[in-house]
Every structure is written in structure tokens, then in C-alpha cells.
Amino acid sequence: MIPTMILFGLVLGRWWKTCLALAFVVWPAILWFSGVTADASDLLRGSLLGALNAGVGVLVHQTVLFLFRLLNGRHERRRKRSLAGG
């Protein structure tokens, strides 16, 4: 079940803040609706672990995106353009 949230982070990693907030809410909801647990402390731990696992996916997504931009040279052009004010 952990790969589910890592994949969630990989797919939605571009919008990392929204992704982590959704992971914090969606994962315990999945646990609760599937009947895995109904204990509040387990759901809180599930929220934290879901967000952590999605964070791993987001980190991989952002790293790949950064490397892609770096290799294409867009990262440097964008930085120069923002420094120039245009």
C-alpha cells in the first residue's frame, strides 16, 4: 500500500503543496473506508505516513524535473530572465 502514495506523489509532484495536503487527508480516508482501522490515533499516524510517502514521490518528481530543466538549459535562462526583470 505504500507504493500507492509514492505513485501519488510522483504523478502530482508538480503541485507539491496540494499533493501533500491531499495525501494527509486522502490516505486515512482510504484506510477508514476500507475498514483497515477506525482508531483515531491510527488514522493520525496514517495521515503522517501517507504524507511522508507522498513526499518521497514528490521529491523524486521535483528532482527529475530539476535535472531535466538543467540539462535542457531552461533553468539557467529562466533565472537570467527573472534577474533581468523580464
N, C-alpha and C. Protein backbone atom coordinates (compact mmCIF):
# COMPACT_ATOMS: atom_id res chain seq x y z
N MET A 1 0.81 -1.20 0.00
CA MET A 1 0.00 0.00 0.00
C MET A 1 0.86 1.26 0.00
N ILE A 2 2.09 1.15 0.46
CA ILE A 2 2.98 2.31 0.46
C ILE A 2 3.25 2.82 -0.96
N PRO A 3 3.46 1.93 -1.93
CA PRO A 3 3.71 2.42 -3.30
C PRO A 3 2.56 3.26 -3.87
N THR A 4 1.37 3.07 -3.33
CA THR A 4 0.23 3.87 -3.80
C THR A 4 0.48 5.35 -3.55
N MET A 5 0.93 5.68 -2.36
CA MET A 5 1.16 7.09 -2.04
C MET A 5 2.43 7.62 -2.69
N ILE A 6 3.42 6.78 -2.88
CA ILE A 6 4.62 7.22 -3.60
C ILE A 6 4.24 7.53 -5.04
N LEU A 7 3.43 6.69 -5.66
CA LEU A 7 2.96 6.96 -7.02
C LEU A 7 2.11 8.23 -7.07
N PHE A 8 1.30 8.44 -6.06
CA PHE A 8 0.50 9.66 -5.95
C PHE A 8 1.41 10.89 -5.96
N GLY A 9 2.50 10.83 -5.20
CA GLY A 9 3.47 11.92 -5.17
C GLY A 9 4.21 12.08 -6.49
N LEU A 10 4.52 10.98 -7.15
CA LEU A 10 5.20 11.05 -8.44
C LEU A 10 4.32 11.71 -9.49
N VAL A 11 3.05 11.36 -9.49
CA VAL A 11 2.14 11.89 -10.51
C VAL A 11 1.80 13.36 -10.25
N LEU A 12 1.54 13.71 -9.00
CA LEU A 12 1.11 15.07 -8.67
C LEU A 12 2.23 15.92 -8.08
N GLY A 13 3.46 15.50 -8.27
CA GLY A 13 4.60 16.18 -7.66
C GLY A 13 4.83 17.60 -8.14
N ARG A 14 4.29 17.96 -9.27
CA ARG A 14 4.42 19.33 -9.78
C ARG A 14 3.74 20.32 -8.85
N TRP A 15 2.63 19.89 -8.28
CA TRP A 15 1.86 20.71 -7.35
C TRP A 15 2.06 20.13 -5.96
N TRP A 16 3.25 20.26 -5.43
CA TRP A 16 3.66 19.52 -4.24
C TRP A 16 2.90 19.91 -2.99
N LYS A 17 2.53 21.16 -2.83
CA LYS A 17 1.79 21.55 -1.63
C LYS A 17 0.40 20.91 -1.61
N THR A 18 -0.27 20.97 -2.73
CA THR A 18 -1.60 20.37 -2.84
C THR A 18 -1.51 18.86 -2.68
N CYS A 19 -0.49 18.27 -3.28
CA CYS A 19 -0.30 16.83 -3.21
C CYS A 19 -0.12 16.36 -1.77
N LEU A 20 0.73 17.05 -1.02
CA LEU A 20 0.97 16.63 0.36
C LEU A 20 -0.26 16.84 1.24
N ALA A 21 -0.99 17.93 1.00
CA ALA A 21 -2.22 18.16 1.77
C ALA A 21 -3.27 17.09 1.46
N LEU A 22 -3.39 16.75 0.18
CA LEU A 22 -4.34 15.70 -0.20
C LEU A 22 -3.92 14.35 0.38
N ALA A 23 -2.65 14.06 0.34
CA ALA A 23 -2.17 12.79 0.88
C ALA A 23 -2.47 12.70 2.38
N PHE A 24 -2.35 13.81 3.07
CA PHE A 24 -2.62 13.85 4.51
C PHE A 24 -4.08 13.54 4.80
N VAL A 25 -4.97 13.89 3.89
CA VAL A 25 -6.41 13.68 4.09
C VAL A 25 -6.90 12.39 3.43
N VAL A 26 -6.42 12.13 2.23
CA VAL A 26 -6.96 11.01 1.44
C VAL A 26 -6.52 9.66 2.00
N TRP A 27 -5.27 9.52 2.40
CA TRP A 27 -4.79 8.21 2.85
C TRP A 27 -5.54 7.69 4.08
N PRO A 28 -5.74 8.50 5.13
CA PRO A 28 -6.53 7.96 6.25
C PRO A 28 -7.99 7.69 5.86
N ALA A 29 -8.52 8.46 4.92
CA ALA A 29 -9.88 8.19 4.45
C ALA A 29 -9.95 6.83 3.76
N ILE A 30 -8.93 6.51 2.98
CA ILE A 30 -8.88 5.19 2.34
C ILE A 30 -8.79 4.10 3.41
N LEU A 31 -7.96 4.32 4.41
CA LEU A 31 -7.83 3.34 5.49
C LEU A 31 -9.14 3.15 6.24
N TRP A 32 -9.83 4.23 6.48
CA TRP A 32 -11.07 4.16 7.24
C TRP A 32 -12.19 3.50 6.43
N PHE A 33 -12.35 3.93 5.15
CA PHE A 33 -13.42 3.37 4.32
C PHE A 33 -13.18 1.91 3.96
N SER A 34 -11.93 1.51 3.88
CA SER A 34 -11.65 0.10 3.56
C SER A 34 -11.75 -0.79 4.80
N GLY A 35 -11.91 -0.18 5.96
CA GLY A 35 -12.09 -0.95 7.19
C GLY A 35 -10.79 -1.43 7.81
N VAL A 36 -9.68 -0.88 7.37
CA VAL A 36 -8.39 -1.27 7.94
C VAL A 36 -8.30 -0.83 9.39
N THR A 37 -8.72 0.39 9.67
CA THR A 37 -8.69 0.90 11.04
C THR A 37 -9.75 1.96 11.24
N ALA A 38 -10.19 2.10 12.47
CA ALA A 38 -11.13 3.15 12.83
C ALA A 38 -10.64 3.92 14.04
N ASP A 39 -9.49 3.54 14.56
CA ASP A 39 -8.91 4.18 15.73
C ASP A 39 -8.33 5.55 15.33
N ALA A 40 -8.63 6.57 16.11
CA ALA A 40 -8.20 7.92 15.77
C ALA A 40 -6.67 8.05 15.75
N SER A 41 -5.99 7.42 16.68
CA SER A 41 -4.53 7.53 16.69
C SER A 41 -3.91 6.82 15.49
N ASP A 42 -4.52 5.71 15.07
CA ASP A 42 -4.04 5.03 13.87
C ASP A 42 -4.27 5.88 12.62
N LEU A 43 -5.39 6.58 12.60
CA LEU A 43 -5.68 7.45 11.45
C LEU A 43 -4.71 8.63 11.40
N LEU A 44 -4.35 9.17 12.56
CA LEU A 44 -3.38 10.26 12.59
C LEU A 44 -2.01 9.77 12.11
N ARG A 45 -1.60 8.61 12.60
CA ARG A 45 -0.33 8.03 12.13
C ARG A 45 -0.40 7.73 10.63
N GLY A 46 -1.56 7.28 10.18
CA GLY A 46 -1.76 7.02 8.76
C GLY A 46 -1.64 8.29 7.94
N SER A 47 -2.16 9.39 8.48
CA SER A 47 -2.05 10.69 7.79
C SER A 47 -0.59 11.08 7.62
N LEU A 48 0.15 10.95 8.70
CA LEU A 48 1.57 11.33 8.66
C LEU A 48 2.36 10.43 7.72
N LEU A 49 2.11 9.14 7.78
CA LEU A 49 2.82 8.21 6.90
C LEU A 49 2.41 8.39 5.44
N GLY A 50 1.14 8.67 5.21
CA GLY A 50 0.69 8.92 3.83
C GLY A 50 1.36 10.15 3.26
N ALA A 51 1.44 11.22 4.04
CA ALA A 51 2.10 12.44 3.57
C ALA A 51 3.60 12.21 3.39
N LEU A 52 4.21 11.44 4.27
CA LEU A 52 5.63 11.14 4.15
C LEU A 52 5.92 10.32 2.88
N ASN A 53 5.11 9.32 2.63
CA ASN A 53 5.30 8.51 1.43
C ASN A 53 5.05 9.31 0.15
N ALA A 54 4.03 10.15 0.17
CA ALA A 54 3.79 11.02 -0.98
C ALA A 54 4.94 12.00 -1.14
N GLY A 55 5.52 12.43 -0.02
CA GLY A 55 6.67 13.33 -0.07
C GLY A 55 7.87 12.70 -0.77
N VAL A 56 8.05 11.41 -0.60
CA VAL A 56 9.12 10.70 -1.32
C VAL A 56 8.87 10.79 -2.82
N GLY A 57 7.64 10.56 -3.22
CA GLY A 57 7.30 10.66 -4.64
C GLY A 57 7.47 12.07 -5.18
N VAL A 58 7.07 13.06 -4.38
CA VAL A 58 7.23 14.46 -4.77
C VAL A 58 8.71 14.80 -4.92
N LEU A 59 9.53 14.33 -3.99
CA LEU A 59 10.97 14.58 -4.05
C LEU A 59 11.57 14.01 -5.32
N VAL A 60 11.19 12.80 -5.68
CA VAL A 60 11.69 12.19 -6.91
C VAL A 60 11.21 13.00 -8.12
N HIS A 61 9.93 13.37 -8.12
CA HIS A 61 9.38 14.15 -9.23
C HIS A 61 10.12 15.47 -9.40
N GLN A 62 10.29 16.20 -8.31
CA GLN A 62 10.95 17.50 -8.36
C GLN A 62 12.42 17.37 -8.78
N THR A 63 13.08 16.31 -8.34
CA THR A 63 14.47 16.09 -8.72
C THR A 63 14.59 15.83 -10.21
N VAL A 64 13.73 14.97 -10.73
CA VAL A 64 13.74 14.68 -12.17
C VAL A 64 13.41 15.93 -12.97
N LEU A 65 12.44 16.71 -12.52
CA LEU A 65 12.08 17.95 -13.20
C LEU A 65 13.24 18.94 -13.20
N PHE A 66 13.93 19.07 -12.07
CA PHE A 66 15.07 19.97 -11.99
C PHE A 66 16.19 19.52 -12.93
N LEU A 67 16.49 18.23 -12.92
CA LEU A 67 17.55 17.72 -13.79
C LEU A 67 17.20 17.87 -15.26
N PHE A 68 15.95 17.66 -15.61
CA PHE A 68 15.50 17.84 -16.99
C PHE A 68 15.69 19.29 -17.42
N ARG A 69 15.27 20.21 -16.58
CA ARG A 69 15.43 21.63 -16.91
C ARG A 69 16.90 22.03 -16.97
N LEU A 70 17.69 21.49 -16.09
CA LEU A 70 19.11 21.78 -16.06
C LEU A 70 19.79 21.29 -17.34
N LEU A 71 19.45 20.10 -17.76
CA LEU A 71 20.05 19.54 -18.97
C LEU A 71 19.57 20.25 -20.23
N ASN A 72 18.36 20.75 -20.21
CA ASN A 72 17.84 21.49 -21.37
C ASN A 72 18.30 22.94 -21.39
N GLY A 73 18.82 23.44 -20.30
CA GLY A 73 19.27 24.81 -20.23
C GLY A 73 18.18 25.81 -19.92
N ARG A 74 16.95 25.34 -19.76
CA ARG A 74 15.86 26.26 -19.47
C ARG A 74 15.98 26.86 -18.08
N HIS A 75 16.54 26.11 -17.18
CA HIS A 75 16.65 26.59 -15.80
C HIS A 75 17.51 27.86 -15.74
N GLU A 76 18.62 27.85 -16.43
CA GLU A 76 19.54 29.00 -16.42
C GLU A 76 18.92 30.19 -17.14
N ARG A 77 18.27 29.94 -18.27
CA ARG A 77 17.63 31.05 -19.00
C ARG A 77 16.52 31.68 -18.17
N ARG A 78 15.75 30.85 -17.47
CA ARG A 78 14.66 31.37 -16.65
C ARG A 78 15.22 32.21 -15.51
N ARG A 79 16.32 31.76 -14.91
CA ARG A 79 16.93 32.50 -13.81
C ARG A 79 17.48 33.83 -14.31
N LYS A 80 18.12 33.84 -15.46
CA LYS A 80 18.66 35.07 -16.01
C LYS A 80 17.54 36.04 -16.36
N ARG A 81 16.45 35.52 -16.91
CA ARG A 81 15.33 36.37 -17.27
C ARG A 81 14.70 37.00 -16.04
N SER A 82 14.59 36.24 -14.96
CA SER A 82 13.99 36.79 -13.74
C SER A 82 14.91 37.81 -13.09
N LEU A 83 16.21 37.61 -13.20
CA LEU A 83 17.16 38.58 -12.65
C LEU A 83 17.18 39.88 -13.45
N ALA A 84 16.90 39.77 -14.76
CA ALA A 84 16.90 40.93 -15.63
C ALA A 84 15.60 41.73 -15.50
N GLY A 85 14.59 41.12 -14.84
CA GLY A 85 13.34 41.84 -14.65
C GLY A 85 12.36 41.63 -15.79
N GLY A 86 12.60 40.68 -16.63
CA GLY A 86 11.71 40.50 -17.77
C GLY A 86 11.24 39.17 -17.87
